[in-house]
C-alpha atoms as a PDB file:
ATOM      1  CA  MET A   1     -57.917  51.833-174.020  1.00  0.00           C
ATOM      2  CA  ILE A   2     -59.955  52.761-170.312  1.00  0.00           C
ATOM      3  CA  ASP A   3     -63.387  51.524-170.581  1.00  0.00           C
ATOM      4  CA  LYS A   4     -64.975  54.580-168.663  1.00  0.00           C
ATOM      5  CA  GLY A   5     -68.157  53.875-168.846  1.00  0.00           C
ATOM      6  CA  ARG A   6     -67.931  50.205-167.030  1.00  0.00           C
ATOM      7  CA  ILE A   7     -65.427  51.855-164.099  1.00  0.00           C
ATOM      8  CA  ARG A   8     -67.104  51.835-160.556  1.00  0.00           C
ATOM      9  CA  GLY A   9     -64.210  51.152-158.690  1.00  0.00           C
ATOM     10  CA  VAL A  10     -60.753  52.708-158.461  1.00  0.00           C
ATOM     11  CA  ILE A  11     -58.078  50.676-156.707  1.00  0.00           C
ATOM     12  CA  PHE A  12     -54.753  52.683-155.688  1.00  0.00           C
ATOM     13  CA  ASP A  13     -51.120  50.844-154.888  1.00  0.00           C
ATOM     14  CA  TYR A  14     -50.134  53.289-151.822  1.00  0.00           C
ATOM     15  CA  GLY A  15     -46.458  53.375-151.565  1.00  0.00           C
ATOM     16  CA  GLY A  16     -44.689  54.895-154.887  1.00  0.00           C
ATOM     17  CA  THR A  17     -47.994  55.988-156.487  1.00  0.00           C
ATOM     18  CA  ILE A  18     -49.634  58.272-153.901  1.00  0.00           C
ATOM     19  CA  ASP A  19     -47.180  59.357-151.727  1.00  0.00           C
ATOM     20  CA  SER A  20     -44.190  59.941-154.261  1.00  0.00           C
ATOM     21  CA  ASN A  21     -46.232  60.775-157.787  1.00  0.00           C
ATOM     22  CA  GLY A  22     -44.627  57.626-159.214  1.00  0.00           C
ATOM     23  CA  VAL A  23     -41.180  57.842-158.005  1.00  0.00           C
ATOM     24  CA  HIS A  24     -40.132  54.881-156.244  1.00  0.00           C
ATOM     25  CA  TRP A  25     -39.254  54.954-152.481  1.00  0.00           C
ATOM     26  CA  ALA A  26     -35.519  53.915-153.475  1.00  0.00           C
ATOM     27  CA  GLU A  27     -35.149  56.928-155.599  1.00  0.00           C
ATOM     28  CA  VAL A  28     -35.965  59.245-153.134  1.00  0.00           C
ATOM     29  CA  ILE A  29     -34.077  57.923-150.164  1.00  0.00           C
ATOM     30  CA  TRP A  30     -30.691  57.675-152.599  1.00  0.00           C
ATOM     31  CA  GLN A  31     -31.545  61.643-153.756  1.00  0.00           C
ATOM     32  CA  VAL A  32     -31.275  62.215-149.893  1.00  0.00           C
ATOM     33  CA  TYR A  33     -28.059  60.698-149.122  1.00  0.00           C
ATOM     34  CA  GLN A  34     -26.844  62.554-151.772  1.00  0.00           C
ATOM     35  CA  SER A  35     -28.115  65.278-150.531  1.00  0.00           C
ATOM     36  CA  GLU A  36     -26.091  64.710-147.028  1.00  0.00           C
ATOM     37  CA  ASN A  37     -22.808  63.892-149.636  1.00  0.00           C
ATOM     38  CA  MET A  38     -22.981  60.061-147.750  1.00  0.00           C
ATOM     39  CA  PRO A  39     -19.782  58.258-149.189  1.00  0.00           C
ATOM     40  CA  VAL A  40     -21.579  55.495-150.414  1.00  0.00           C
ATOM     41  CA  THR A  41     -22.003  54.412-154.009  1.00  0.00           C
ATOM     42  CA  LYS A  42     -25.025  53.585-155.664  1.00  0.00           C
ATOM     43  CA  GLU A  43     -24.836  49.800-156.266  1.00  0.00           C
ATOM     44  CA  LEU A  44     -23.656  49.290-152.234  1.00  0.00           C
ATOM     45  CA  PHE A  45     -27.269  51.612-151.822  1.00  0.00           C
ATOM     46  CA  ARG A  46     -29.186  49.202-153.564  1.00  0.00           C
ATOM     47  CA  GLU A  47     -27.828  46.817-151.175  1.00  0.00           C
ATOM     48  CA  ALA A  48     -28.675  48.013-148.676  1.00  0.00           C
ATOM     49  CA  TYR A  49     -31.954  49.130-149.573  1.00  0.00           C
ATOM     50  CA  ILE A  50     -32.783  45.347-150.469  1.00  0.00           C
ATOM     51  CA  HIS A  51     -31.600  44.105-147.152  1.00  0.00           C
ATOM     52  CA  GLY A  52     -33.731  46.288-145.364  1.00  0.00           C
ATOM     53  CA  GLU A  53     -36.619  46.025-147.444  1.00  0.00           C
ATOM     54  CA  ARG A  54     -36.188  41.968-146.851  1.00  0.00           C
ATOM     55  CA  THR A  55     -35.624  42.568-142.945  1.00  0.00           C
ATOM     56  CA  LEU A  56     -38.682  44.260-142.439  1.00  0.00           C
ATOM     57  CA  GLY A  57     -40.833  41.927-144.493  1.00  0.00           C
ATOM     58  CA  LYS A  58     -39.629  38.700-142.742  1.00  0.00           C
ATOM     59  CA  ASN A  59     -39.654  40.470-138.765  1.00  0.00           C
ATOM     60  CA  PRO A  60     -42.521  42.529-137.137  1.00  0.00           C
ATOM     61  CA  ILE A  61     -40.148  45.521-136.323  1.00  0.00           C
ATOM     62  CA  ILE A  62     -42.318  48.108-137.865  1.00  0.00           C
ATOM     63  CA  ARG A  63     -45.473  48.284-135.536  1.00  0.00           C
ATOM     64  CA  PRO A  64     -49.506  49.367-136.549  1.00  0.00           C
ATOM     65  CA  HIS A  65     -48.625  52.564-134.350  1.00  0.00           C
ATOM     66  CA  HIS A  66     -45.939  53.757-136.228  1.00  0.00           C
ATOM     67  CA  THR A  67     -45.773  56.618-138.136  1.00  0.00           C
ATOM     68  CA  PHE A  68     -44.382  57.072-141.742  1.00  0.00           C
ATOM     69  CA  LYS A  69     -41.654  59.034-140.241  1.00  0.00           C
ATOM     70  CA  ASP A  70     -40.846  56.498-137.952  1.00  0.00           C
ATOM     71  CA  MET A  71     -40.798  53.705-140.423  1.00  0.00           C
ATOM     72  CA  MET A  72     -38.235  55.934-142.523  1.00  0.00           C
ATOM     73  CA  ARG A  73     -35.916  56.035-139.635  1.00  0.00           C
ATOM     74  CA  LEU A  74     -36.457  52.372-138.644  1.00  0.00           C
ATOM     75  CA  LYS A  75     -35.565  51.788-142.641  1.00  0.00           C
ATOM     76  CA  ILE A  76     -32.512  54.337-142.845  1.00  0.00           C
ATOM     77  CA  ASP A  77     -31.101  52.729-139.463  1.00  0.00           C
ATOM     78  CA  ILE A  78     -31.301  48.880-140.827  1.00  0.00           C
ATOM     79  CA  GLN A  79     -29.540  50.509-144.130  1.00  0.00           C
ATOM     80  CA  PHE A  80     -26.897  52.019-142.278  1.00  0.00           C
ATOM     81  CA  GLU A  81     -26.287  49.040-140.232  1.00  0.00           C
ATOM     82  CA  TRP A  82     -25.760  47.111-143.200  1.00  0.00           C
ATOM     83  CA  LEU A  83     -23.516  49.300-144.870  1.00  0.00           C
ATOM     84  CA  LYS A  84     -21.609  49.732-141.496  1.00  0.00           C
ATOM     85  CA  ASN A  85     -21.448  46.053-141.327  1.00  0.00           C
ATOM     86  CA  HIS A  86     -20.791  45.544-144.876  1.00  0.00           C
ATOM     87  CA  TRP A  87     -18.422  48.601-145.941  1.00  0.00           C
ATOM     88  CA  LEU A  88     -14.871  45.834-146.597  1.00  0.00           C
ATOM     89  CA  LEU A  89     -11.529  47.756-147.975  1.00  0.00           C
ATOM     90  CA  SER A  90      -9.753  45.578-150.931  1.00  0.00           C
ATOM     91  CA  ALA A  91      -6.481  45.022-149.334  1.00  0.00           C
ATOM     92  CA  ASN A  92      -4.382  46.316-152.549  1.00  0.00           C
ATOM     93  CA  THR A  93      -5.846  49.765-152.739  1.00  0.00           C
ATOM     94  CA  SER A  94      -5.174  52.377-150.512  1.00  0.00           C
ATOM     95  CA  GLY A  95      -8.476  52.739-149.025  1.00  0.00           C
ATOM     96  CA  ASN A  96     -10.691  54.558-151.411  1.00  0.00           C
ATOM     97  CA  ASP A  97     -12.349  51.932-153.282  1.00  0.00           C
ATOM     98  CA  ALA A  98     -15.558  50.323-151.619  1.00  0.00           C
ATOM     99  CA  VAL A  99     -16.223  46.365-151.730  1.00  0.00           C
ATOM    100  CA  GLY A 100     -19.604  44.791-151.081  1.00  0.00           C
ATOM    101  CA  GLN A 101     -20.959  41.855-149.992  1.00  0.00           C
ATOM    102  CA  THR A 102     -20.819  40.085-153.708  1.00  0.00           C
ATOM    103  CA  GLY A 103     -17.156  41.658-154.392  1.00  0.00           C
ATOM    104  CA  ALA A 104     -15.128  44.879-155.514  1.00  0.00           C
ATOM    105  CA  HIS A 105     -17.036  47.600-157.160  1.00  0.00           C
ATOM    106  CA  ASN A 106     -16.107  49.806-159.574  1.00  0.00           C
ATOM    107  CA  GLU A 107     -17.234  53.172-158.069  1.00  0.00           C
ATOM    108  CA  SER A 108     -14.499  54.794-156.238  1.00  0.00           C
ATOM    109  CA  VAL A 109     -16.107  56.353-152.799  1.00  0.00           C
ATOM    110  CA  ASP A 110     -14.267  57.618-149.784  1.00  0.00           C
ATOM    111  CA  ARG A 111     -14.581  56.039-146.118  1.00  0.00           C
ATOM    112  CA  PRO A 112     -14.781  58.434-143.354  1.00  0.00           C
ATOM    113  CA  ALA A 113     -11.878  58.529-141.148  1.00  0.00           C
ATOM    114  CA  ASN A 114     -13.072  59.853-137.799  1.00  0.00           C
ATOM    115  CA  ASN A 115     -16.360  61.142-137.864  1.00  0.00           C
ATOM    116  CA  ASP A 116     -18.720  57.529-138.649  1.00  0.00           C
ATOM    117  CA  PRO A 117     -21.564  59.066-140.562  1.00  0.00           C
ATOM    118  CA  PHE A 118     -23.429  55.715-140.047  1.00  0.00           C
ATOM    119  CA  ASP A 119     -23.314  56.339-135.829  1.00  0.00           C
ATOM    120  CA  ASP A 120     -24.969  59.808-136.283  1.00  0.00           C
ATOM    121  CA  VAL A 121     -28.390  59.405-134.669  1.00  0.00           C
ATOM    122  CA  GLU A 122     -29.337  63.068-135.837  1.00  0.00           C
ATOM    123  CA  LEU A 123     -28.558  62.723-139.670  1.00  0.00           C
ATOM    124  CA  LYS A 124     -30.783  59.720-139.352  1.00  0.00           C
ATOM    125  CA  HIS A 125     -33.682  61.378-137.994  1.00  0.00           C
ATOM    126  CA  ARG A 126     -33.124  64.514-140.724  1.00  0.00           C
ATOM    127  CA  MET A 127     -32.697  62.525-143.765  1.00  0.00           C
ATOM    128  CA  ALA A 128     -35.952  60.741-142.381  1.00  0.00           C
ATOM    129  CA  ASP A 129     -37.248  64.082-142.042  1.00  0.00           C
ATOM    130  CA  VAL A 130     -36.854  65.106-145.693  1.00  0.00           C
ATOM    131  CA  CYS A 131     -38.378  61.635-146.818  1.00  0.00           C
ATOM    132  CA  ASP A 132     -41.349  62.562-144.909  1.00  0.00           C
ATOM    133  CA  GLY A 133     -41.577  66.218-146.178  1.00  0.00           C
ATOM    134  CA  TYR A 134     -41.381  64.474-149.729  1.00  0.00           C
ATOM    135  CA  ALA A 135     -44.226  62.709-148.866  1.00  0.00           C
ATOM    136  CA  ARG A 136     -46.064  65.107-147.805  1.00  0.00           C
ATOM    137  CA  ALA A 137     -45.762  67.596-150.505  1.00  0.00           C
ATOM    138  CA  ALA A 138     -46.883  64.652-152.803  1.00  0.00           C
ATOM    139  CA  ILE A 139     -49.707  63.632-151.039  1.00  0.00           C
ATOM    140  CA  ALA A 140     -50.683  67.688-151.039  1.00  0.00           C
ATOM    141  CA  LYS A 141     -50.838  67.671-154.528  1.00  0.00           C
ATOM    142  CA  ALA A 142     -52.459  64.144-154.507  1.00  0.00           C
ATOM    143  CA  CYS A 143     -55.459  65.337-151.848  1.00  0.00           C
ATOM    144  CA  PRO A 144     -57.786  66.963-154.801  1.00  0.00           C
ATOM    145  CA  VAL A 145     -57.664  64.305-157.212  1.00  0.00           C
ATOM    146  CA  LEU A 146     -58.443  61.682-154.129  1.00  0.00           C
ATOM    147  CA  GLU A 147     -61.359  63.564-153.219  1.00  0.00           C
ATOM    148  CA  TRP A 148     -62.826  64.404-156.590  1.00  0.00           C
ATOM    149  CA  LEU A 149     -62.379  60.417-157.331  1.00  0.00           C
ATOM    150  CA  ALA A 150     -64.011  59.398-154.154  1.00  0.00           C
ATOM    151  CA  GLY A 151     -66.977  61.448-155.182  1.00  0.00           C
ATOM    152  CA  LYS A 152     -67.528  59.501-158.025  1.00  0.00           C
ATOM    153  CA  TYR A 153     -66.362  55.865-157.791  1.00  0.00           C
ATOM    154  CA  ARG A 154     -65.901  53.053-154.467  1.00  0.00           C
ATOM    155  CA  ILE A 155     -62.187  53.408-153.740  1.00  0.00           C
ATOM    156  CA  ALA A 156     -59.557  51.361-152.057  1.00  0.00           C
ATOM    157  CA  LEU A 157     -55.803  50.605-151.525  1.00  0.00           C
ATOM    158  CA  VAL A 158     -54.385  47.059-152.285  1.00  0.00           C
ATOM    159  CA  SER A 159     -51.094  47.774-150.779  1.00  0.00           C
ATOM    160  CA  ASN A 160     -47.968  45.491-149.993  1.00  0.00           C
ATOM    161  CA  PHE A 161     -47.143  47.304-146.590  1.00  0.00           C
ATOM    162  CA  TYR A 162     -46.113  46.720-143.241  1.00  0.00           C
ATOM    163  CA  GLY A 163     -49.508  46.306-140.956  1.00  0.00           C
ATOM    164  CA  ASN A 164     -49.172  50.095-139.960  1.00  0.00           C
ATOM    165  CA  LEU A 165     -50.793  51.205-143.146  1.00  0.00           C
ATOM    166  CA  ALA A 166     -54.022  52.885-141.047  1.00  0.00           C
ATOM    167  CA  THR A 167     -51.530  54.937-139.176  1.00  0.00           C
ATOM    168  CA  VAL A 168     -50.036  56.185-141.684  1.00  0.00           C
ATOM    169  CA  LEU A 169     -53.209  57.215-143.519  1.00  0.00           C
ATOM    170  CA  ARG A 170     -54.555  58.699-140.520  1.00  0.00           C
ATOM    171  CA  ASP A 171     -51.094  60.980-139.943  1.00  0.00           C
ATOM    172  CA  PHE A 172     -51.207  62.066-143.447  1.00  0.00           C
ATOM    173  CA  GLY A 173     -55.379  62.642-143.211  1.00  0.00           C
ATOM    174  CA  LEU A 174     -55.584  60.474-146.073  1.00  0.00           C
ATOM    175  CA  ASP A 175     -57.953  57.678-144.024  1.00  0.00           C
ATOM    176  CA  CYS A 176     -60.898  59.432-144.799  1.00  0.00           C
ATOM    177  CA  PHE A 177     -60.630  58.457-148.760  1.00  0.00           C
ATOM    178  CA  PHE A 178     -60.543  54.635-147.889  1.00  0.00           C
ATOM    179  CA  PRO A 179     -62.891  52.462-146.554  1.00  0.00           C
ATOM    180  CA  VAL A 180     -61.416  49.600-147.920  1.00  0.00           C
ATOM    181  CA  ILE A 181     -57.969  48.963-147.121  1.00  0.00           C
ATOM    182  CA  ILE A 182     -56.298  45.449-147.842  1.00  0.00           C
ATOM    183  CA  GLU A 183     -52.479  45.513-146.594  1.00  0.00           C
ATOM    184  CA  SER A 184     -50.593  42.849-147.579  1.00  0.00           C
ATOM    185  CA  ALA A 185     -49.209  42.761-143.476  1.00  0.00           C
ATOM    186  CA  VAL A 186     -52.824  41.664-142.331  1.00  0.00           C
ATOM    187  CA  VAL A 187     -54.066  39.860-145.583  1.00  0.00           C
ATOM    188  CA  GLY A 188     -51.329  37.006-145.839  1.00  0.00           C
ATOM    189  CA  VAL A 189     -50.743  37.909-149.376  1.00  0.00           C
ATOM    190  CA  CYS A 190     -48.385  39.954-151.161  1.00  0.00           C
ATOM    191  CA  LYS A 191     -48.150  41.919-154.703  1.00  0.00           C
ATOM    192  CA  PRO A 192     -47.351  40.442-157.482  1.00  0.00           C
ATOM    193  CA  ASP A 193     -49.589  37.761-155.923  1.00  0.00           C
ATOM    194  CA  PRO A 194     -52.854  38.354-158.396  1.00  0.00           C
ATOM    195  CA  GLN A 195     -55.285  37.145-155.157  1.00  0.00           C
ATOM    196  CA  ILE A 196     -54.545  40.406-153.463  1.00  0.00           C
ATOM    197  CA  PHE A 197     -56.539  42.449-156.179  1.00  0.00           C
ATOM    198  CA  ARG A 198     -59.286  39.785-156.076  1.00  0.00           C
ATOM    199  CA  ILE A 199     -59.522  40.692-152.516  1.00  0.00           C
ATOM    200  CA  GLY A 200     -59.590  44.300-153.138  1.00  0.00           C
ATOM    201  CA  VAL A 201     -62.347  43.501-155.843  1.00  0.00           C
ATOM    202  CA  ASP A 202     -64.260  41.208-153.536  1.00  0.00           C
ATOM    203  CA  ALA A 203     -64.391  43.615-150.972  1.00  0.00           C
ATOM    204  CA  MET A 204     -65.739  46.659-152.724  1.00  0.00           C
ATOM    205  CA  GLN A 205     -68.603  44.293-154.030  1.00  0.00           C
ATOM    206  CA  LEU A 206     -67.429  45.063-157.495  1.00  0.00           C
ATOM    207  CA  GLN A 207     -66.766  42.302-160.671  1.00  0.00           C
ATOM    208  CA  ALA A 208     -62.858  42.621-161.747  1.00  0.00           C
ATOM    209  CA  ASN A 209     -63.999  44.282-164.612  1.00  0.00           C
ATOM    210  CA  GLU A 210     -65.697  47.780-162.882  1.00  0.00           C
ATOM    211  CA  VAL A 211     -62.546  48.198-161.268  1.00  0.00           C
ATOM    212  CA  VAL A 212     -59.337  50.191-162.409  1.00  0.00           C
ATOM    213  CA  VAL A 213     -55.977  49.234-160.741  1.00  0.00           C
ATOM    214  CA  ILE A 214     -53.680  52.119-160.579  1.00  0.00           C
ATOM    215  CA  GLY A 215     -50.245  51.893-159.492  1.00  0.00           C
ATOM    216  CA  ASP A 216     -46.522  53.054-160.025  1.00  0.00           C
ATOM    217  CA  SER A 217     -45.284  48.809-160.540  1.00  0.00           C
ATOM    218  CA  TYR A 218     -45.820  47.301-163.771  1.00  0.00           C
ATOM    219  CA  ASP A 219     -44.615  44.364-162.328  1.00  0.00           C
ATOM    220  CA  LYS A 220     -46.076  44.419-158.718  1.00  0.00           C
ATOM    221  CA  ASP A 221     -49.586  46.327-159.635  1.00  0.00           C
ATOM    222  CA  ILE A 222     -50.400  46.222-163.712  1.00  0.00           C
ATOM    223  CA  VAL A 223     -49.342  42.788-164.534  1.00  0.00           C
ATOM    224  CA  PRO A 224     -51.335  40.696-161.460  1.00  0.00           C
ATOM    225  CA  ALA A 225     -54.653  43.287-161.519  1.00  0.00           C
ATOM    226  CA  ALA A 226     -54.660  42.514-165.490  1.00  0.00           C
ATOM    227  CA  THR A 227     -54.468  39.104-164.374  1.00  0.00           C
ATOM    228  CA  ALA A 228     -57.252  39.302-161.840  1.00  0.00           C
ATOM    229  CA  GLY A 229     -59.525  40.641-164.859  1.00  0.00           C
ATOM    230  CA  CYS A 230     -59.127  45.013-163.563  1.00  0.00           C
ATOM    231  CA  GLN A 231     -58.762  47.828-165.827  1.00  0.00           C
ATOM    232  CA  THR A 232     -55.471  49.179-165.486  1.00  0.00           C
ATOM    233  CA  ILE A 233     -53.530  52.519-165.245  1.00  0.00           C
ATOM    234  CA  TRP A 234     -49.710  52.470-164.845  1.00  0.00           C
ATOM    235  CA  LEU A 235     -47.774  55.252-163.320  1.00  0.00           C
ATOM    236  CA  LYS A 236     -44.820  55.329-165.134  1.00  0.00           C
ATOM    237  CA  LYS A 237     -42.205  57.870-163.952  1.00  0.00           C
ATOM    238  CA  THR A 238     -38.751  56.692-161.993  1.00  0.00           C
ATOM    239  CA  GLY A 239     -39.134  53.102-160.913  1.00  0.00           C
ATOM    240  CA  TRP A 240     -36.407  50.399-159.098  1.00  0.00           C
ATOM    241  CA  ASN A 241     -34.588  49.987-162.376  1.00  0.00           C
ATOM    242  CA  ASN A 242     -36.542  50.542-165.588  1.00  0.00           C
ATOM    243  CA  ASP A 243     -35.525  48.024-167.502  1.00  0.00           C
ATOM    244  CA  PHE A 244     -38.196  47.869-169.579  1.00  0.00           C
ATOM    245  CA  THR A 245     -38.528  45.765-172.834  1.00  0.00           C
ATOM    246  CA  GLY A 246     -40.780  48.296-174.814  1.00  0.00           C
ATOM    247  CA  THR A 247     -43.572  45.455-174.818  1.00  0.00           C
ATOM    248  CA  GLU A 248     -45.107  46.273-171.530  1.00  0.00           C
ATOM    249  CA  THR A 249     -49.018  47.035-171.762  1.00  0.00           C
ATOM    250  CA  ALA A 250     -51.576  48.601-169.903  1.00  0.00           C
ATOM    251  CA  ASP A 251     -55.285  50.393-170.375  1.00  0.00           C
ATOM    252  CA  LEU A 252     -53.535  53.729-169.641  1.00  0.00           C
ATOM    253  CA  VAL A 253     -49.974  54.848-169.239  1.00  0.00           C
ATOM    254  CA  ILE A 254     -49.613  58.394-167.189  1.00  0.00           C
ATOM    255  CA  THR A 255     -46.460  59.894-165.982  1.00  0.00           C
ATOM    256  CA  ASP A 256     -48.286  62.345-163.542  1.00  0.00           C
ATOM    257  CA  PHE A 257     -51.016  61.753-160.612  1.00  0.00           C
ATOM    258  CA  ALA A 258     -52.742  64.483-161.378  1.00  0.00           C
ATOM    259  CA  ALA A 259     -54.033  63.194-164.517  1.00  0.00           C
ATOM    260  CA  LEU A 260     -56.096  60.688-163.570  1.00  0.00           C
ATOM    261  CA  ARG A 261     -58.982  63.559-163.217  1.00  0.00           C
ATOM    262  CA  ASP A 262     -58.215  64.342-167.343  1.00  0.00           C
ATOM    263  CA  TRP A 263     -59.010  60.549-167.725  1.00  0.00           C
ATOM    264  CA  LEU A 264     -61.095  59.573-164.876  1.00  0.00           C
END
C-alpha cells in the first residue's frame, strides 16, 4: 500500500504511461494496421515490431531533433520494410498463407496483388499521423494530472528512449513539468536495470523510499523500481502480452492515469 506521508517525489515512465494511458504502443500501432486493413497477421506484425525496436536500439536512426511523428514514421517505415522482405509464400499453398521468419503461420491473410501497400508513402504518413493524434489525446488528459502533481511533488521522468525525448516533450508541451529527465540513450543504462531508477532518485536529491515510480510495464518499471527501494504504482492496462501469473505485486494498481489524483 502506498505510504503517502513519506512521498516527496514522483518518477514517471513516459512511453506507454503518459502518452497512451497504459496501452502498449505495439497495441496502438496494431490497431492502426487494422484500421487500414493491412494484409498482415498479428503474429507477423509482432515480429516486425520487435525487429524495428531492436533496429532502433542498435542504430542511431532516431536523432535528437526528431518529433514523435518523425519517430513513428521511421518506426512504421522499418516495420514495412521488414514485412516486405519477409513476406514469403509457402510452395504448397495458393498464395494466401503468410509465412514469417520462424515458419508457417496458422492465420491466413491475402497478399496484395499489384499495389503493394508497403511502398505507399502516403499510407505510412497517415498511419504515423493517427499515432500522433492518439498520443496527443492521451497527453491532453494527462496534463491536468501532471500539473497538479508538479505542484505537490518533485517530478522526474525515467524512460527507455532514443535520445530525442526532450524534443518530444517540447513538441507535446510537457517539458515544463520535468526538470529531471533520465533517458536511457543518454545515460547509457536501460530498464529493467534498477540502476536507471537510482540515477533518477539521486538526481531528485531524495531517498528511494521517498519516491514513487509510476509505469505501465510490470517487468521494466515496477520490478526494478521496487528493487531500487522506491514505492510503485502500476498502470495496468493493455500490455505487450498480458501473460501475468497473478503473483505480481505493486504498492498500488490503477487502470487509468487520472486515478493518480485520487491516490496522491
